[in-house]
């Protein structure tokens, strides 16, 4: 019973992601890539979203209207109010990326 409780807590608490630190100090999930606007993105080739921002991989619209990149995984709301594709993973600077 105690082991099951520990496992449930471990699944509920966001974990620190293995994220790449980009030259400007930001963290991204996956390989760090510079987009044409000079911003760094991760998770695939930089793609321009319909709003003019760049995301890594295919641009997807999140429930709040912002664009996120990533594959075909589930869109997830992180504790800080941002959306990611996949599970929320906290980076060393306290921001969340998808994994």
C-alpha atoms as a PDB file:
ATOM      1  CA  UNK A   1       0.000   0.000   0.000  1.00  0.00           C
ATOM      2  CA  UNK A   2       2.764   2.427   0.956  1.00  0.00           C
ATOM      3  CA  UNK A   3       4.660   1.627  -2.261  1.00  0.00           C
ATOM      4  CA  UNK A   4       1.568   2.336  -4.328  1.00  0.00           C
ATOM      5  CA  UNK A   5       1.111   5.715  -2.636  1.00  0.00           C
ATOM      6  CA  UNK A   6       4.736   6.669  -3.336  1.00  0.00           C
ATOM      7  CA  UNK A   7       4.318   5.660  -6.983  1.00  0.00           C
ATOM      8  CA  UNK A   8       1.160   7.766  -7.360  1.00  0.00           C
ATOM      9  CA  UNK A   9       2.845  10.811  -5.823  1.00  0.00           C
ATOM     10  CA  UNK A  10       5.863  10.360  -8.089  1.00  0.00           C
ATOM     11  CA  UNK A  11       3.606  10.316 -11.154  1.00  0.00           C
ATOM     12  CA  UNK A  12       1.673  13.403 -10.051  1.00  0.00           C
ATOM     13  CA  UNK A  13       4.679  15.624  -9.344  1.00  0.00           C
ATOM     14  CA  UNK A  14       6.352  17.198 -12.383  1.00  0.00           C
ATOM     15  CA  UNK A  15       9.954  16.078 -12.796  1.00  0.00           C
ATOM     16  CA  UNK A  16      13.057  17.856 -14.015  1.00  0.00           C
ATOM     17  CA  UNK A  17      13.425  17.385 -17.755  1.00  0.00           C
ATOM     18  CA  UNK A  18      16.513  16.454 -19.649  1.00  0.00           C
ATOM     19  CA  UNK A  19      16.507  19.652 -21.651  1.00  0.00           C
ATOM     20  CA  UNK A  20      19.155  21.333 -23.755  1.00  0.00           C
ATOM     21  CA  UNK A  21      20.324  24.750 -22.634  1.00  0.00           C
ATOM     22  CA  UNK A  22      20.543  27.051 -25.627  1.00  0.00           C
ATOM     23  CA  UNK A  23      23.247  29.706 -26.088  1.00  0.00           C
ATOM     24  CA  UNK A  24      20.845  32.435 -24.863  1.00  0.00           C
ATOM     25  CA  UNK A  25      20.211  30.558 -21.595  1.00  0.00           C
ATOM     26  CA  UNK A  26      16.743  29.208 -22.433  1.00  0.00           C
ATOM     27  CA  UNK A  27      15.920  25.515 -22.168  1.00  0.00           C
ATOM     28  CA  UNK A  28      14.156  23.462 -24.802  1.00  0.00           C
ATOM     29  CA  UNK A  29      13.049  19.869 -25.022  1.00  0.00           C
ATOM     30  CA  UNK A  30      15.223  18.070 -27.520  1.00  0.00           C
ATOM     31  CA  UNK A  31      17.946  19.590 -29.630  1.00  0.00           C
ATOM     32  CA  UNK A  32      18.351  23.372 -29.481  1.00  0.00           C
ATOM     33  CA  UNK A  33      17.723  25.074 -32.846  1.00  0.00           C
ATOM     34  CA  UNK A  34      17.693  28.734 -33.820  1.00  0.00           C
ATOM     35  CA  UNK A  35      14.571  29.868 -35.675  1.00  0.00           C
ATOM     36  CA  UNK A  36      14.763  32.535 -38.405  1.00  0.00           C
ATOM     37  CA  UNK A  37      13.636  35.189 -35.875  1.00  0.00           C
ATOM     38  CA  UNK A  38      16.649  34.456 -33.626  1.00  0.00           C
ATOM     39  CA  UNK A  39      14.644  32.637 -30.950  1.00  0.00           C
ATOM     40  CA  UNK A  40      15.622  29.107 -29.949  1.00  0.00           C
ATOM     41  CA  UNK A  41      13.186  26.205 -30.259  1.00  0.00           C
ATOM     42  CA  UNK A  42      13.521  22.491 -29.656  1.00  0.00           C
ATOM     43  CA  UNK A  43      11.888  19.320 -30.841  1.00  0.00           C
ATOM     44  CA  UNK A  44      12.471  19.434 -34.561  1.00  0.00           C
ATOM     45  CA  UNK A  45      12.825  21.895 -37.389  1.00  0.00           C
ATOM     46  CA  UNK A  46      11.676  25.427 -36.646  1.00  0.00           C
ATOM     47  CA  UNK A  47       8.229  25.974 -38.176  1.00  0.00           C
ATOM     48  CA  UNK A  48       6.380  29.272 -38.464  1.00  0.00           C
ATOM     49  CA  UNK A  49       2.960  29.164 -36.813  1.00  0.00           C
ATOM     50  CA  UNK A  50       0.010  31.109 -38.283  1.00  0.00           C
ATOM     51  CA  UNK A  51       0.580  33.915 -35.737  1.00  0.00           C
ATOM     52  CA  UNK A  52       4.174  34.444 -36.931  1.00  0.00           C
ATOM     53  CA  UNK A  53       5.858  32.777 -33.948  1.00  0.00           C
ATOM     54  CA  UNK A  54       8.204  29.828 -34.394  1.00  0.00           C
ATOM     55  CA  UNK A  55       7.845  26.425 -32.772  1.00  0.00           C
ATOM     56  CA  UNK A  56       9.837  23.212 -32.980  1.00  0.00           C
ATOM     57  CA  UNK A  57       8.150  20.661 -35.202  1.00  0.00           C
ATOM     58  CA  UNK A  58       4.595  20.962 -36.466  1.00  0.00           C
ATOM     59  CA  UNK A  59       2.693  24.005 -35.140  1.00  0.00           C
ATOM     60  CA  UNK A  60      -0.410  23.150 -33.100  1.00  0.00           C
ATOM     61  CA  UNK A  61      -2.882  25.468 -31.479  1.00  0.00           C
ATOM     62  CA  UNK A  62      -3.261  25.055 -27.700  1.00  0.00           C
ATOM     63  CA  UNK A  63      -6.604  25.565 -25.886  1.00  0.00           C
ATOM     64  CA  UNK A  64      -5.558  29.111 -24.901  1.00  0.00           C
ATOM     65  CA  UNK A  65      -4.956  30.082 -28.557  1.00  0.00           C
ATOM     66  CA  UNK A  66      -1.152  30.037 -28.367  1.00  0.00           C
ATOM     67  CA  UNK A  67       0.884  27.871 -30.700  1.00  0.00           C
ATOM     68  CA  UNK A  68       3.015  24.998 -29.483  1.00  0.00           C
ATOM     69  CA  UNK A  69       5.229  22.633 -31.395  1.00  0.00           C
ATOM     70  CA  UNK A  70       5.710  18.950 -31.117  1.00  0.00           C
ATOM     71  CA  UNK A  71       4.516  15.686 -32.442  1.00  0.00           C
ATOM     72  CA  UNK A  72       1.174  14.008 -32.268  1.00  0.00           C
ATOM     73  CA  UNK A  73       1.073  13.654 -28.478  1.00  0.00           C
ATOM     74  CA  UNK A  74      -1.545  14.986 -26.107  1.00  0.00           C
ATOM     75  CA  UNK A  75      -1.661  18.716 -25.285  1.00  0.00           C
ATOM     76  CA  UNK A  76      -1.079  19.176 -21.553  1.00  0.00           C
ATOM     77  CA  UNK A  77      -1.651  22.171 -19.257  1.00  0.00           C
ATOM     78  CA  UNK A  78       1.370  22.619 -16.969  1.00  0.00           C
ATOM     79  CA  UNK A  79       1.239  23.999 -13.386  1.00  0.00           C
ATOM     80  CA  UNK A  80       2.456  27.441 -14.556  1.00  0.00           C
ATOM     81  CA  UNK A  81      -0.406  27.789 -17.065  1.00  0.00           C
ATOM     82  CA  UNK A  82       1.587  27.003 -20.211  1.00  0.00           C
ATOM     83  CA  UNK A  83       0.684  24.252 -22.644  1.00  0.00           C
ATOM     84  CA  UNK A  84       3.079  21.618 -23.956  1.00  0.00           C
ATOM     85  CA  UNK A  85       2.832  18.472 -26.051  1.00  0.00           C
ATOM     86  CA  UNK A  86       3.295  15.370 -23.922  1.00  0.00           C
ATOM     87  CA  UNK A  87       4.113  15.410 -20.207  1.00  0.00           C
ATOM     88  CA  UNK A  88       5.091  18.607 -18.384  1.00  0.00           C
ATOM     89  CA  UNK A  89       8.758  18.573 -17.426  1.00  0.00           C
ATOM     90  CA  UNK A  90      10.298  21.350 -15.364  1.00  0.00           C
ATOM     91  CA  UNK A  91      13.632  22.673 -16.607  1.00  0.00           C
ATOM     92  CA  UNK A  92      16.374  23.924 -14.273  1.00  0.00           C
ATOM     93  CA  UNK A  93      15.167  27.525 -14.696  1.00  0.00           C
ATOM     94  CA  UNK A  94      11.642  26.624 -13.489  1.00  0.00           C
ATOM     95  CA  UNK A  95       9.897  26.734 -16.878  1.00  0.00           C
ATOM     96  CA  UNK A  96       8.113  23.765 -18.390  1.00  0.00           C
ATOM     97  CA  UNK A  97       8.775  21.928 -21.636  1.00  0.00           C
ATOM     98  CA  UNK A  98       7.001  18.927 -23.114  1.00  0.00           C
ATOM     99  CA  UNK A  99       8.507  15.490 -23.133  1.00  0.00           C
END
